[in-house]
PDB file of N, CA and C in Angstrom:
ATOM      1  N   MET A   1       0.778  -1.094  -0.024  1.00  0.00           N
ATOM      2  CA  MET A   1      -0.105   0.031  -0.032  1.00  0.00           C
ATOM      3  C   MET A   1       0.810   1.156  -0.078  1.00  0.00           C
ATOM      4  N   GLN A   2       0.549   2.094  -0.846  1.00  0.00           N
ATOM      5  CA  GLN A   2       1.266   3.384  -1.090  1.00  0.00           C
ATOM      6  C   GLN A   2       0.620   4.544  -0.579  1.00  0.00           C
ATOM      7  N   ASN A   3       0.995   5.461   0.311  1.00  0.00           N
ATOM      8  CA  ASN A   3       0.378   6.627   0.747  1.00  0.00           C
ATOM      9  C   ASN A   3       0.709   7.842  -0.088  1.00  0.00           C
ATOM     10  N   GLU A   4      -0.372   8.724  -0.483  1.00  0.00           N
ATOM     11  CA  GLU A   4      -0.050   9.866  -1.211  1.00  0.00           C
ATOM     12  C   GLU A   4      -0.097  10.960  -0.293  1.00  0.00           C
ATOM     13  N   VAL A   5       0.983  11.827  -0.489  1.00  0.00           N
ATOM     14  CA  VAL A   5       1.110  13.074   0.231  1.00  0.00           C
ATOM     15  C   VAL A   5       0.990  14.279  -0.631  1.00  0.00           C
ATOM     16  N   TYR A   6       0.131  15.142  -0.361  1.00  0.00           N
ATOM     17  CA  TYR A   6       0.008  16.361  -1.193  1.00  0.00           C
ATOM     18  C   TYR A   6       0.861  17.514  -0.436  1.00  0.00           C
ATOM     19  N   ALA A   7       1.935  17.708  -1.131  1.00  0.00           N
ATOM     20  CA  ALA A   7       2.973  18.783  -0.650  1.00  0.00           C
ATOM     21  C   ALA A   7       2.196  20.129  -0.309  1.00  0.00           C
ATOM     22  N   ASP A   8       1.403  20.612  -1.227  1.00  0.00           N
ATOM     23  CA  ASP A   8       0.730  21.901  -1.094  1.00  0.00           C
ATOM     24  C   ASP A   8      -0.128  21.952   0.237  1.00  0.00           C
ATOM     25  N   LEU A   9      -0.832  20.956   0.460  1.00  0.00           N
ATOM     26  CA  LEU A   9      -1.661  20.785   1.596  1.00  0.00           C
ATOM     27  C   LEU A   9      -0.815  20.548   2.823  1.00  0.00           C
ATOM     28  N   LEU A  10       0.214  19.852   2.718  1.00  0.00           N
ATOM     29  CA  LEU A  10       1.022  19.626   3.887  1.00  0.00           C
ATOM     30  C   LEU A  10       1.700  21.013   4.407  1.00  0.00           C
ATOM     31  N   PHE A  11       2.168  21.785   3.402  1.00  0.00           N
ATOM     32  CA  PHE A  11       2.703  23.096   3.630  1.00  0.00           C
ATOM     33  C   PHE A  11       1.708  24.006   4.242  1.00  0.00           C
ATOM     34  N   LEU A  12       0.599  24.094   3.653  1.00  0.00           N
ATOM     35  CA  LEU A  12      -0.523  24.973   4.142  1.00  0.00           C
ATOM     36  C   LEU A  12      -0.948  24.738   5.569  1.00  0.00           C
ATOM     37  N   ILE A  13      -1.123  23.390   5.811  1.00  0.00           N
ATOM     38  CA  ILE A  13      -1.569  22.838   7.326  1.00  0.00           C
ATOM     39  C   ILE A  13      -0.414  23.331   8.229  1.00  0.00           C
ATOM     40  N   ASN A  14       0.903  22.870   7.848  1.00  0.00           N
ATOM     41  CA  ASN A  14       1.996  23.199   8.812  1.00  0.00           C
ATOM     42  C   ASN A  14       2.272  24.730   8.872  1.00  0.00           C
ATOM     43  N   PHE A  15       2.164  25.497   7.809  1.00  0.00           N
ATOM     44  CA  PHE A  15       2.220  26.928   7.782  1.00  0.00           C
ATOM     45  C   PHE A  15       1.258  27.526   8.863  1.00  0.00           C
ATOM     46  N   SER A  16      -0.046  27.020   8.722  1.00  0.00           N
ATOM     47  CA  SER A  16      -1.071  27.578   9.432  1.00  0.00           C
ATOM     48  C   SER A  16      -0.829  27.251  11.032  1.00  0.00           C
ATOM     49  N   MET A  17      -0.472  25.998  11.358  1.00  0.00           N
ATOM     50  CA  MET A  17      -0.212  25.717  12.685  1.00  0.00           C
ATOM     51  C   MET A  17       1.015  26.304  13.169  1.00  0.00           C
ATOM     52  N   ASP A  18       2.079  26.614  12.520  1.00  0.00           N
ATOM     53  CA  ASP A  18       3.191  27.098  12.924  1.00  0.00           C
ATOM     54  C   ASP A  18       2.871  28.705  13.287  1.00  0.00           C
ATOM     55  N   PHE A  19       2.142  29.260  12.396  1.00  0.00           N
ATOM     56  CA  PHE A  19       1.831  30.628  12.532  1.00  0.00           C
ATOM     57  C   PHE A  19       0.932  30.827  13.704  1.00  0.00           C
ATOM     58  N   LEU A  20      -0.049  29.920  13.973  1.00  0.00           N
ATOM     59  CA  LEU A  20      -0.892  29.957  15.201  1.00  0.00           C
ATOM     60  C   LEU A  20      -0.093  29.683  16.516  1.00  0.00           C
ATOM     61  N   CYS A  21       0.891  28.842  16.469  1.00  0.00           N
ATOM     62  CA  CYS A  21       1.747  28.538  17.584  1.00  0.00           C
ATOM     63  C   CYS A  21       2.697  29.805  17.924  1.00  0.00           C
ATOM     64  N   LEU A  22       3.101  30.309  16.886  1.00  0.00           N
ATOM     65  CA  LEU A  22       4.027  31.639  17.076  1.00  0.00           C
ATOM     66  C   LEU A  22       3.208  32.851  17.622  1.00  0.00           C
ATOM     67  N   PHE A  23       1.883  32.878  17.194  1.00  0.00           N
ATOM     68  CA  PHE A  23       0.946  33.851  17.781  1.00  0.00           C
ATOM     69  C   PHE A  23       0.706  33.677  19.123  1.00  0.00           C
ATOM     70  N   LEU A  24       0.447  32.472  19.493  1.00  0.00           N
ATOM     71  CA  LEU A  24       0.165  31.972  20.984  1.00  0.00           C
ATOM     72  C   LEU A  24       1.338  32.263  21.654  1.00  0.00           C
ATOM     73  N   THR A  25       2.569  31.911  21.199  1.00  0.00           N
ATOM     74  CA  THR A  25       3.835  32.178  21.960  1.00  0.00           C
ATOM     75  C   THR A  25       3.975  33.631  22.285  1.00  0.00           C
ATOM     76  N   ALA A  26       3.679  34.560  21.280  1.00  0.00           N
ATOM     77  CA  ALA A  26       3.760  35.970  21.485  1.00  0.00           C
ATOM     78  C   ALA A  26       2.898  36.476  22.489  1.00  0.00           C
ATOM     79  N   GLN A  27       1.681  36.022  22.475  1.00  0.00           N
ATOM     80  CA  GLN A  27       0.570  36.381  23.349  1.00  0.00           C
ATOM     81  C   GLN A  27       0.776  35.911  24.865  1.00  0.00           C
ATOM     82  N   ILE A  28       1.337  34.700  24.892  1.00  0.00           N
ATOM     83  CA  ILE A  28       1.655  34.188  26.286  1.00  0.00           C
ATOM     84  C   ILE A  28       2.876  34.889  26.941  1.00  0.00           C
ATOM     85  N   LEU A  29       3.851  35.286  26.008  1.00  0.00           N
ATOM     86  CA  LEU A  29       4.951  36.035  26.525  1.00  0.00           C
ATOM     87  C   LEU A  29       4.767  37.621  26.370  1.00  0.00           C
ATOM     88  N   ARG A  30       3.528  37.905  26.055  1.00  0.00           N
ATOM     89  CA  ARG A  30       3.246  39.442  26.081  1.00  0.00           C
ATOM     90  C   ARG A  30       4.185  40.151  25.066  1.00  0.00           C
ATOM     91  N   GLN A  31       4.465  39.772  23.916  1.00  0.00           N
ATOM     92  CA  GLN A  31       5.156  40.388  22.935  1.00  0.00           C
ATOM     93  C   GLN A  31       4.262  40.659  21.743  1.00  0.00           C
ATOM     94  N   LYS A  32       4.682  41.680  20.902  1.00  0.00           N
ATOM     95  CA  LYS A  32       3.965  41.909  19.751  1.00  0.00           C
ATOM     96  C   LYS A  32       4.300  41.219  18.630  1.00  0.00           C
ATOM     97  N   LEU A  33       3.451  40.485  17.843  1.00  0.00           N
ATOM     98  CA  LEU A  33       3.834  39.631  16.830  1.00  0.00           C
ATOM     99  C   LEU A  33       3.962  40.556  15.570  1.00  0.00           C
ATOM    100  N   ARG A  34       5.286  40.561  15.066  1.00  0.00           N
ATOM    101  CA  ARG A  34       5.479  41.163  13.820  1.00  0.00           C
ATOM    102  C   ARG A  34       5.005  40.232  12.603  1.00  0.00           C
ATOM    103  N   PRO A  35       4.165  40.745  11.702  1.00  0.00           N
ATOM    104  CA  PRO A  35       3.513  39.710  10.835  1.00  0.00           C
ATOM    105  C   PRO A  35       4.616  39.256   9.751  1.00  0.00           C
ATOM    106  N   ILE A  36       5.442  40.042   9.157  1.00  0.00           N
ATOM    107  CA  ILE A  36       6.405  39.512   8.144  1.00  0.00           C
ATOM    108  C   ILE A  36       7.370  38.565   8.678  1.00  0.00           C
ATOM    109  N   PRO A  37       7.934  38.739   9.917  1.00  0.00           N
ATOM    110  CA  PRO A  37       8.803  37.739  10.304  1.00  0.00           C
ATOM    111  C   PRO A  37       8.186  36.388  10.754  1.00  0.00           C
ATOM    112  N   ALA A  38       6.897  36.619  11.368  1.00  0.00           N
ATOM    113  CA  ALA A  38       5.969  35.446  11.630  1.00  0.00           C
ATOM    114  C   ALA A  38       5.697  34.575  10.512  1.00  0.00           C
ATOM    115  N   ILE A  39       5.400  35.320   9.401  1.00  0.00           N
ATOM    116  CA  ILE A  39       5.064  34.607   8.157  1.00  0.00           C
ATOM    117  C   ILE A  39       6.352  33.923   7.610  1.00  0.00           C
ATOM    118  N   VAL A  40       7.453  34.516   7.565  1.00  0.00           N
ATOM    119  CA  VAL A  40       8.755  33.959   7.014  1.00  0.00           C
ATOM    120  C   VAL A  40       9.056  32.737   8.023  1.00  0.00           C
ATOM    121  N   ALA A  41       8.988  32.789   9.356  1.00  0.00           N
ATOM    122  CA  ALA A  41       9.163  31.651  10.143  1.00  0.00           C
ATOM    123  C   ALA A  41       8.262  30.544   9.992  1.00  0.00           C
ATOM    124  N   SER A  42       7.082  30.860   9.686  1.00  0.00           N
ATOM    125  CA  SER A  42       6.006  29.865   9.331  1.00  0.00           C
ATOM    126  C   SER A  42       6.279  29.170   8.056  1.00  0.00           C
ATOM    127  N   MET A  43       6.800  29.914   7.103  1.00  0.00           N
ATOM    128  CA  MET A  43       7.206  29.398   5.849  1.00  0.00           C
ATOM    129  C   MET A  43       8.347  28.471   6.019  1.00  0.00           C
ATOM    130  N   ILE A  44       9.296  28.649   6.922  1.00  0.00           N
ATOM    131  CA  ILE A  44      10.404  27.837   7.066  1.00  0.00           C
ATOM    132  C   ILE A  44       9.833  26.530   7.753  1.00  0.00           C
ATOM    133  N   GLY A  45       9.070  26.606   8.610  1.00  0.00           N
ATOM    134  CA  GLY A  45       8.306  25.333   9.277  1.00  0.00           C
ATOM    135  C   GLY A  45       7.522  24.629   8.356  1.00  0.00           C
ATOM    136  N   GLY A  46       6.910  25.321   7.450  1.00  0.00           N
ATOM    137  CA  GLY A  46       6.015  24.477   6.336  1.00  0.00           C
ATOM    138  C   GLY A  46       7.020  23.886   5.363  1.00  0.00           C
ATOM    139  N   ALA A  47       7.983  24.491   4.957  1.00  0.00           N
ATOM    140  CA  ALA A  47       9.002  23.930   4.091  1.00  0.00           C
ATOM    141  C   ALA A  47       9.713  22.848   4.772  1.00  0.00           C
ATOM    142  N   TYR A  48       9.945  22.951   6.073  1.00  0.00           N
ATOM    143  CA  TYR A  48      10.735  21.806   6.638  1.00  0.00           C
ATOM    144  C   TYR A  48       9.696  20.619   6.690  1.00  0.00           C
ATOM    145  N   SER A  49       8.428  20.765   7.035  1.00  0.00           N
ATOM    146  CA  SER A  49       7.462  19.722   6.996  1.00  0.00           C
ATOM    147  C   SER A  49       7.499  18.893   5.748  1.00  0.00           C
ATOM    148  N   ILE A  50       7.834  19.544   4.612  1.00  0.00           N
ATOM    149  CA  ILE A  50       7.856  18.797   3.301  1.00  0.00           C
ATOM    150  C   ILE A  50       9.123  18.105   3.278  1.00  0.00           C
ATOM    151  N   ALA A  51      10.245  18.935   3.624  1.00  0.00           N
ATOM    152  CA  ALA A  51      11.698  18.294   3.564  1.00  0.00           C
ATOM    153  C   ALA A  51      11.815  17.141   4.484  1.00  0.00           C
ATOM    154  N   SER A  52      10.982  17.050   5.583  1.00  0.00           N
ATOM    155  CA  SER A  52      11.119  15.994   6.452  1.00  0.00           C
ATOM    156  C   SER A  52      10.666  14.669   5.974  1.00  0.00           C
ATOM    157  N   LEU A  53       9.872  14.739   5.082  1.00  0.00           N
ATOM    158  CA  LEU A  53       9.446  13.464   4.395  1.00  0.00           C
ATOM    159  C   LEU A  53      10.679  12.705   3.663  1.00  0.00           C
ATOM    160  N   PHE A  54      11.606  13.519   3.371  1.00  0.00           N
ATOM    161  CA  PHE A  54      12.685  12.892   2.610  1.00  0.00           C
ATOM    162  C   PHE A  54      13.988  12.601   3.486  1.00  0.00           C
ATOM    163  N   ILE A  55      13.790  12.819   4.779  1.00  0.00           N
ATOM    164  CA  ILE A  55      14.969  12.717   5.643  1.00  0.00           C
ATOM    165  C   ILE A  55      14.962  11.264   6.160  1.00  0.00           C
ATOM    166  N   THR A  56      16.038  10.567   5.977  1.00  0.00           N
ATOM    167  CA  THR A  56      16.117   9.187   6.376  1.00  0.00           C
ATOM    168  C   THR A  56      17.302   8.976   7.329  1.00  0.00           C
ATOM    169  N   ALA A  57      17.518   9.797   8.164  1.00  0.00           N
ATOM    170  CA  ALA A  57      18.539   9.739   9.137  1.00  0.00           C
ATOM    171  C   ALA A  57      18.130   9.046  10.385  1.00  0.00           C
ATOM    172  N   HIS A  58      19.042   8.822  11.309  1.00  0.00           N
ATOM    173  CA  HIS A  58      18.694   8.216  12.549  1.00  0.00           C
ATOM    174  C   HIS A  58      17.759   9.068  13.395  1.00  0.00           C
ATOM    175  N   SER A  59      16.996   8.562  14.265  1.00  0.00           N
ATOM    176  CA  SER A  59      15.895   9.365  15.000  1.00  0.00           C
ATOM    177  C   SER A  59      16.489  10.439  15.823  1.00  0.00           C
ATOM    178  N   ILE A  60      17.709  10.119  16.313  1.00  0.00           N
ATOM    179  CA  ILE A  60      18.296  11.160  17.195  1.00  0.00           C
ATOM    180  C   ILE A  60      18.781  12.386  16.360  1.00  0.00           C
ATOM    181  N   TYR A  61      19.186  12.192  15.187  1.00  0.00           N
ATOM    182  CA  TYR A  61      19.529  13.249  14.274  1.00  0.00           C
ATOM    183  C   TYR A  61      18.338  14.099  13.770  1.00  0.00           C
ATOM    184  N   VAL A  62      17.283  13.322  13.548  1.00  0.00           N
ATOM    185  CA  VAL A  62      16.013  14.037  13.108  1.00  0.00           C
ATOM    186  C   VAL A  62      15.513  14.876  14.271  1.00  0.00           C
ATOM    187  N   LEU A  63      15.575  14.404  15.664  1.00  0.00           N
ATOM    188  CA  LEU A  63      15.137  15.141  16.685  1.00  0.00           C
ATOM    189  C   LEU A  63      16.155  16.445  16.767  1.00  0.00           C
ATOM    190  N   LEU A  64      17.396  16.387  16.570  1.00  0.00           N
ATOM    191  CA  LEU A  64      18.293  17.469  16.503  1.00  0.00           C
ATOM    192  C   LEU A  64      17.855  18.499  15.434  1.00  0.00           C
ATOM    193  N   ILE A  65      17.548  18.046  14.310  1.00  0.00           N
ATOM    194  CA  ILE A  65      17.071  18.861  13.161  1.00  0.00           C
ATOM    195  C   ILE A  65      15.796  19.554  13.478  1.00  0.00           C
ATOM    196  N   ASP A  66      14.966  18.940  14.249  1.00  0.00           N
ATOM    197  CA  ASP A  66      13.666  19.418  14.630  1.00  0.00           C
ATOM    198  C   ASP A  66      13.871  20.672  15.677  1.00  0.00           C
ATOM    199  N   VAL A  67      14.809  20.358  16.441  1.00  0.00           N
ATOM    200  CA  VAL A  67      15.098  21.381  17.503  1.00  0.00           C
ATOM    201  C   VAL A  67      15.788  22.540  16.901  1.00  0.00           C
ATOM    202  N   LEU A  68      16.677  22.405  15.867  1.00  0.00           N
ATOM    203  CA  LEU A  68      17.271  23.439  15.195  1.00  0.00           C
ATOM    204  C   LEU A  68      16.354  24.205  14.252  1.00  0.00           C
ATOM    205  N   VAL A  69      15.377  23.620  13.664  1.00  0.00           N
ATOM    206  CA  VAL A  69      14.353  24.375  12.925  1.00  0.00           C
ATOM    207  C   VAL A  69      13.544  25.218  13.810  1.00  0.00           C
ATOM    208  N   CYS A  70      13.194  24.725  15.085  1.00  0.00           N
ATOM    209  CA  CYS A  70      12.365  25.344  16.002  1.00  0.00           C
ATOM    210  C   CYS A  70      13.216  26.631  16.435  1.00  0.00           C
ATOM    211  N   VAL A  71      14.521  26.437  16.775  1.00  0.00           N
ATOM    212  CA  VAL A  71      15.330  27.695  17.211  1.00  0.00           C
ATOM    213  C   VAL A  71      15.325  28.635  16.064  1.00  0.00           C
ATOM    214  N   ILE A  72      15.552  28.193  14.754  1.00  0.00           N
ATOM    215  CA  ILE A  72      15.710  29.131  13.726  1.00  0.00           C
ATOM    216  C   ILE A  72      14.382  29.978  13.568  1.00  0.00           C
ATOM    217  N   MET A  73      13.240  29.244  13.698  1.00  0.00           N
ATOM    218  CA  MET A  73      11.875  29.848  13.538  1.00  0.00           C
ATOM    219  C   MET A  73      11.801  30.930  14.694  1.00  0.00           C
ATOM    220  N   CYS A  74      12.078  30.628  15.838  1.00  0.00           N
ATOM    221  CA  CYS A  74      11.998  31.713  16.858  1.00  0.00           C
ATOM    222  C   CYS A  74      12.884  32.854  16.810  1.00  0.00           C
ATOM    223  N   LEU A  75      14.115  32.458  16.219  1.00  0.00           N
ATOM    224  CA  LEU A  75      15.040  33.516  15.950  1.00  0.00           C
ATOM    225  C   LEU A  75      14.367  34.378  14.955  1.00  0.00           C
ATOM    226  N   VAL A  76      13.963  33.934  13.769  1.00  0.00           N
ATOM    227  CA  VAL A  76      13.307  34.696  12.743  1.00  0.00           C
ATOM    228  C   VAL A  76      12.173  35.598  13.255  1.00  0.00           C
ATOM    229  N   CYS A  77      11.339  34.829  14.010  1.00  0.00           N
ATOM    230  CA  CYS A  77      10.174  35.617  14.511  1.00  0.00           C
ATOM    231  C   CYS A  77      10.374  36.697  15.523  1.00  0.00           C
ATOM    232  N   PHE A  78      11.157  36.049  16.504  1.00  0.00           N
ATOM    233  CA  PHE A  78      11.323  37.141  17.745  1.00  0.00           C
ATOM    234  C   PHE A  78      12.806  37.775  17.766  1.00  0.00           C
ATOM    235  N   ALA A  79      13.377  37.874  16.651  1.00  0.00           N
ATOM    236  CA  ALA A  79      14.863  38.287  16.687  1.00  0.00           C
ATOM    237  C   ALA A  79      14.876  39.812  17.331  1.00  0.00           C
ATOM    238  N   LYS A  80      13.882  40.547  17.177  1.00  0.00           N
ATOM    239  CA  LYS A  80      13.900  41.881  17.755  1.00  0.00           C
ATOM    240  C   LYS A  80      14.011  41.909  19.314  1.00  0.00           C
ATOM    241  N   TYR A  81      13.403  40.858  19.887  1.00  0.00           N
ATOM    242  CA  TYR A  81      13.134  40.758  21.212  1.00  0.00           C
ATOM    243  C   TYR A  81      14.392  39.939  22.011  1.00  0.00           C
ATOM    244  N   ASN A  82      15.016  39.198  21.147  1.00  0.00           N
ATOM    245  CA  ASN A  82      16.037  38.360  21.795  1.00  0.00           C
ATOM    246  C   ASN A  82      17.165  39.129  22.205  1.00  0.00           C
ATOM    247  N   LYS A  83      17.460  39.038  23.522  1.00  0.00           N
ATOM    248  CA  LYS A  83      18.703  39.805  24.033  1.00  0.00           C
ATOM    249  C   LYS A  83      19.577  38.848  24.779  1.00  0.00           C
ATOM    250  N   SER A  84      19.119  37.656  24.923  1.00  0.00           N
ATOM    251  CA  SER A  84      20.121  36.680  25.583  1.00  0.00           C
ATOM    252  C   SER A  84      19.598  35.254  25.223  1.00  0.00           C
ATOM    253  N   ALA A  85      20.530  34.390  25.464  1.00  0.00           N
ATOM    254  CA  ALA A  85      20.190  32.843  24.935  1.00  0.00           C
ATOM    255  C   ALA A  85      19.051  32.379  25.963  1.00  0.00           C
ATOM    256  N   ARG A  86      18.918  32.956  27.226  1.00  0.00           N
ATOM    257  CA  ARG A  86      17.833  32.631  28.118  1.00  0.00           C
ATOM    258  C   ARG A  86      16.455  32.924  27.585  1.00  0.00           C
ATOM    259  N   GLN A  87      16.339  34.146  27.010  1.00  0.00           N
ATOM    260  CA  GLN A  87      15.143  34.606  26.285  1.00  0.00           C
ATOM    261  C   GLN A  87      14.780  33.749  25.136  1.00  0.00           C
ATOM    262  N   LEU A  88      15.836  33.403  24.266  1.00  0.00           N
ATOM    263  CA  LEU A  88      15.661  32.459  23.079  1.00  0.00           C
ATOM    264  C   LEU A  88      15.142  31.245  23.587  1.00  0.00           C
ATOM    265  N   LEU A  89      15.607  30.701  24.680  1.00  0.00           N
ATOM    266  CA  LEU A  89      15.199  29.377  25.154  1.00  0.00           C
ATOM    267  C   LEU A  89      13.759  29.448  25.736  1.00  0.00           C
ATOM    268  N   THR A  90      13.409  30.602  26.384  1.00  0.00           N
ATOM    269  CA  THR A  90      12.011  30.784  26.784  1.00  0.00           C
ATOM    270  C   THR A  90      11.112  30.886  25.484  1.00  0.00           C
ATOM    271  N   TYR A  91      11.396  31.470  24.500  1.00  0.00           N
ATOM    272  CA  TYR A  91      10.621  31.556  23.336  1.00  0.00           C
ATOM    273  C   TYR A  91      10.374  30.198  22.723  1.00  0.00           C
ATOM    274  N   CYS A  92      11.459  29.422  22.630  1.00  0.00           N
ATOM    275  CA  CYS A  92      11.568  28.064  21.949  1.00  0.00           C
ATOM    276  C   CYS A  92      10.674  27.173  22.797  1.00  0.00           C
ATOM    277  N   LEU A  93      10.853  27.165  24.200  1.00  0.00           N
ATOM    278  CA  LEU A  93      10.020  26.171  25.038  1.00  0.00           C
ATOM    279  C   LEU A  93       8.464  26.545  25.021  1.00  0.00           C
ATOM    280  N   THR A  94       8.176  27.875  24.967  1.00  0.00           N
ATOM    281  CA  THR A  94       6.832  28.183  24.981  1.00  0.00           C
ATOM    282  C   THR A  94       6.302  27.928  23.635  1.00  0.00           C
ATOM    283  N   TYR A  95       7.050  27.989  22.450  1.00  0.00           N
ATOM    284  CA  TYR A  95       6.554  27.621  21.151  1.00  0.00           C
ATOM    285  C   TYR A  95       6.310  26.037  21.090  1.00  0.00           C
ATOM    286  N   LEU A  96       7.275  25.334  21.629  1.00  0.00           N
ATOM    287  CA  LEU A  96       7.134  23.935  21.715  1.00  0.00           C
ATOM    288  C   LEU A  96       5.937  23.427  22.524  1.00  0.00           C
ATOM    289  N   ALA A  97       5.765  24.114  23.595  1.00  0.00           N
ATOM    290  CA  ALA A  97       4.580  23.838  24.470  1.00  0.00           C
ATOM    291  C   ALA A  97       3.291  24.079  23.703  1.00  0.00           C
ATOM    292  N   CYS A  98       3.155  25.174  22.976  1.00  0.00           N
ATOM    293  CA  CYS A  98       2.007  25.556  22.230  1.00  0.00           C
ATOM    294  C   CYS A  98       1.735  24.413  21.022  1.00  0.00           C
ATOM    295  N   ALA A  99       2.970  24.108  20.527  1.00  0.00           N
ATOM    296  CA  ALA A  99       2.827  23.232  19.240  1.00  0.00           C
ATOM    297  C   ALA A  99       2.367  21.838  19.862  1.00  0.00           C
ATOM    298  N   THR A 100       2.976  21.474  21.155  1.00  0.00           N
ATOM    299  CA  THR A 100       2.523  20.105  21.698  1.00  0.00           C
ATOM    300  C   THR A 100       0.953  20.141  22.054  1.00  0.00           C
ATOM    301  N   VAL A 101       0.503  21.258  22.648  1.00  0.00           N
ATOM    302  CA  VAL A 101      -0.913  21.174  23.040  1.00  0.00           C
ATOM    303  C   VAL A 101      -1.830  21.185  21.882  1.00  0.00           C
ATOM    304  N   LEU A 102      -1.404  22.130  20.907  1.00  0.00           N
ATOM    305  CA  LEU A 102      -2.369  22.292  19.757  1.00  0.00           C
ATOM    306  C   LEU A 102      -2.302  20.970  18.842  1.00  0.00           C
ATOM    307  N   GLY A 103      -1.143  20.327  18.703  1.00  0.00           N
ATOM    308  CA  GLY A 103      -1.032  19.015  18.144  1.00  0.00           C
ATOM    309  C   GLY A 103      -1.858  17.895  18.701  1.00  0.00           C
ATOM    310  N   GLY A 104      -1.945  17.988  20.130  1.00  0.00           N
ATOM    311  CA  GLY A 104      -2.635  17.009  20.875  1.00  0.00           C
ATOM    312  C   GLY A 104      -4.203  17.371  20.654  1.00  0.00           C
ATOM    313  N   ILE A 105      -4.555  18.412  20.590  1.00  0.00           N
ATOM    314  CA  ILE A 105      -5.942  18.823  20.512  1.00  0.00           C
ATOM    315  C   ILE A 105      -6.345  18.330  19.128  1.00  0.00           C
ATOM    316  N   MET A 106      -5.522  18.602  18.101  1.00  0.00           N
ATOM    317  CA  MET A 106      -5.881  18.333  16.666  1.00  0.00           C
ATOM    318  C   MET A 106      -5.988  16.632  16.549  1.00  0.00           C
ATOM    319  N   THR A 107      -5.081  15.983  17.330  1.00  0.00           N
ATOM    320  CA  THR A 107      -5.186  14.498  17.192  1.00  0.00           C
ATOM    321  C   THR A 107      -6.465  14.020  17.859  1.00  0.00           C
ATOM    322  N   VAL A 108      -6.894  14.603  19.007  1.00  0.00           N
ATOM    323  CA  VAL A 108      -8.025  14.212  19.666  1.00  0.00           C
ATOM    324  C   VAL A 108      -9.270  14.488  18.650  1.00  0.00           C
ATOM    325  N   LEU A 109      -9.276  15.569  18.107  1.00  0.00           N
ATOM    326  CA  LEU A 109     -10.404  15.941  17.216  1.00  0.00           C
ATOM    327  C   LEU A 109     -10.418  15.034  15.901  1.00  0.00           C
ATOM    328  N   PHE A 110      -9.206  14.740  15.313  1.00  0.00           N
ATOM    329  CA  PHE A 110      -9.194  13.846  14.403  1.00  0.00           C
ATOM    330  C   PHE A 110      -9.714  12.448  14.595  1.00  0.00           C
ATOM    331  N   ASN A 111      -9.209  11.927  15.790  1.00  0.00           N
ATOM    332  CA  ASN A 111      -9.872  10.677  16.193  1.00  0.00           C
ATOM    333  C   ASN A 111     -11.274  10.600  16.408  1.00  0.00           C
ATOM    334  N   LEU A 112     -11.661  11.684  17.137  1.00  0.00           N
ATOM    335  CA  LEU A 112     -13.133  11.768  17.452  1.00  0.00           C
ATOM    336  C   LEU A 112     -14.036  11.889  16.151  1.00  0.00           C
ATOM    337  N   PHE A 113     -13.654  12.669  15.158  1.00  0.00           N
ATOM    338  CA  PHE A 113     -14.281  12.756  13.897  1.00  0.00           C
ATOM    339  C   PHE A 113     -14.395  11.443  13.138  1.00  0.00           C
ATOM    340  N   ASN A 114     -13.182  10.790  13.197  1.00  0.00           N
ATOM    341  CA  ASN A 114     -13.194   9.492  12.632  1.00  0.00           C
ATOM    342  C   ASN A 114     -14.052   8.533  13.152  1.00  0.00           C
ATOM    343  N   ARG A 115     -14.267   8.447  14.372  1.00  0.00           N
ATOM    344  CA  ARG A 115     -15.237   7.590  15.079  1.00  0.00           C
ATOM    345  C   ARG A 115     -16.673   7.968  14.617  1.00  0.00           C
ATOM    346  N   LEU A 116     -16.908   9.079  14.440  1.00  0.00           N
ATOM    347  CA  LEU A 116     -18.361   9.613  14.116  1.00  0.00           C
ATOM    348  C   LEU A 116     -18.537   9.502  12.647  1.00  0.00           C
ATOM    349  N   ASN A 117     -17.468   9.175  11.879  1.00  0.00           N
ATOM    350  CA  ASN A 117     -17.622   9.209  10.318  1.00  0.00           C
ATOM    351  C   ASN A 117     -18.102  10.587   9.770  1.00  0.00           C
TER     352      ASN A 117
END
């Protein structure tokens, strides 16, 4: 059995989720979200979601790449506000927490709607 992945939909979904997570991160940390850097950071996340389909490295390396992409996205989006490595870590951890919660909610909704047909 072969699965089909539509790159445009994958990009759009991940772009939207990344943008929402960046927005929530800015709200939680009481920062103003600058639209252009947030869009660029979300585009990086969307492009990475497509590129990750082709990564065949060991799982630890994939995890390191995931973390690196998260750091790059937070640097791009919140570069104006980063004054220290500690602040960048705060942005990254908040972003990851938002992404985890949002991803969990989406998984629950997906499973619920699949049961209801």
